[in-house]
Amino acid sequence: MTGEDGGPGSTVVGVDGCRDGWLVVEWTLQPVDGLPATLQASVVTDLGPLIDRLRRGLVSAMAIDMPIG
């Protein structure tokens, strides 16, 4: 997601391990009247595409809760 000016987006992502892979929650701020716009949750089996979005600057920040045991 990119900002209105095409620059880095204002999307933050939280990731947590689950039985079916990874639970991903994305919060995207879109400056429409100053209100937050979207909250989206999904389950993925591969974090590669999400990490690629982070490397390309399409995600502003990402936190990953790594399962231990």
Protein backbone atom coordinates (compact mmCIF):
# COMPACT_ATOMS: atom_id res chain seq x y z
CA MET A 1 0.00 0.00 0.00
CA THR A 2 1.37 3.40 -0.83
CA GLY A 3 0.47 6.81 0.46
CA GLU A 4 -1.46 9.35 -1.59
CA ASP A 5 1.79 10.81 -2.91
CA GLY A 6 3.01 7.37 -4.06
CA GLY A 7 5.58 7.28 -1.25
CA PRO A 8 5.85 4.69 1.50
CA GLY A 9 2.49 3.48 2.70
CA SER A 10 0.98 3.92 6.08
CA THR A 11 0.31 0.23 6.66
CA VAL A 12 1.41 -1.57 9.81
CA VAL A 13 1.30 -5.35 10.10
CA GLY A 14 1.18 -7.75 13.04
CA VAL A 15 1.98 -11.43 12.48
CA ASP A 16 1.46 -14.35 14.87
CA GLY A 17 2.03 -18.06 14.35
CA CYS A 18 -1.05 -20.29 14.33
CA ARG A 19 -1.82 -23.94 13.51
CA ASP A 20 -2.58 -23.17 9.85
CA GLY A 21 0.42 -20.90 9.26
CA TRP A 22 0.55 -17.21 10.17
CA LEU A 23 -2.24 -14.89 11.26
CA VAL A 24 -1.62 -11.53 9.59
CA VAL A 25 -3.44 -8.36 10.67
CA GLU A 26 -2.92 -5.23 8.56
CA TRP A 27 -4.00 -1.76 9.61
CA THR A 28 -3.93 0.76 6.78
CA LEU A 29 -4.36 4.46 7.47
CA GLN A 30 -5.80 6.35 4.57
CA PRO A 31 -5.98 10.09 5.19
CA VAL A 32 -9.65 10.58 4.32
CA ASP A 33 -10.95 13.19 6.74
CA GLY A 34 -8.21 12.01 9.14
CA LEU A 35 -9.96 8.71 9.92
CA PRO A 36 -8.30 5.28 9.94
CA ALA A 37 -9.65 3.31 7.01
CA THR A 38 -9.07 -0.44 7.05
CA LEU A 39 -8.28 -3.35 9.31
CA GLN A 40 -7.82 -6.69 7.57
CA ALA A 41 -6.98 -10.15 8.90
CA SER A 42 -5.89 -13.24 6.97
CA VAL A 43 -4.04 -16.53 7.43
CA VAL A 44 -1.06 -17.23 5.16
CA THR A 45 1.37 -20.14 4.93
CA ASP A 46 4.28 -18.17 3.42
CA LEU A 47 5.63 -14.89 4.83
CA GLY A 48 7.83 -14.29 1.75
CA PRO A 49 5.41 -12.02 -0.13
CA LEU A 50 4.72 -9.99 3.02
CA ILE A 51 8.44 -9.55 3.77
CA ASP A 52 8.95 -8.52 0.14
CA ARG A 53 6.31 -5.78 0.59
CA LEU A 54 8.22 -4.58 3.67
CA ARG A 55 11.54 -4.51 1.79
CA ARG A 56 9.96 -2.49 -1.03
CA GLY A 57 8.62 0.08 1.43
CA LEU A 58 4.96 -0.84 0.90
CA VAL A 59 4.59 -1.67 4.61
CA SER A 60 5.72 0.90 7.17
CA ALA A 61 6.30 -1.51 10.06
CA MET A 62 5.88 -5.19 10.85
CA ALA A 63 5.96 -7.07 14.17
CA ILE A 64 6.26 -10.88 14.16
CA ASP A 65 5.50 -12.95 17.25
CA MET A 66 7.65 -16.06 16.78
CA PRO A 67 6.23 -19.21 18.35
CA ILE A 68 8.59 -20.94 20.77
CA GLY A 69 7.72 -24.53 21.59
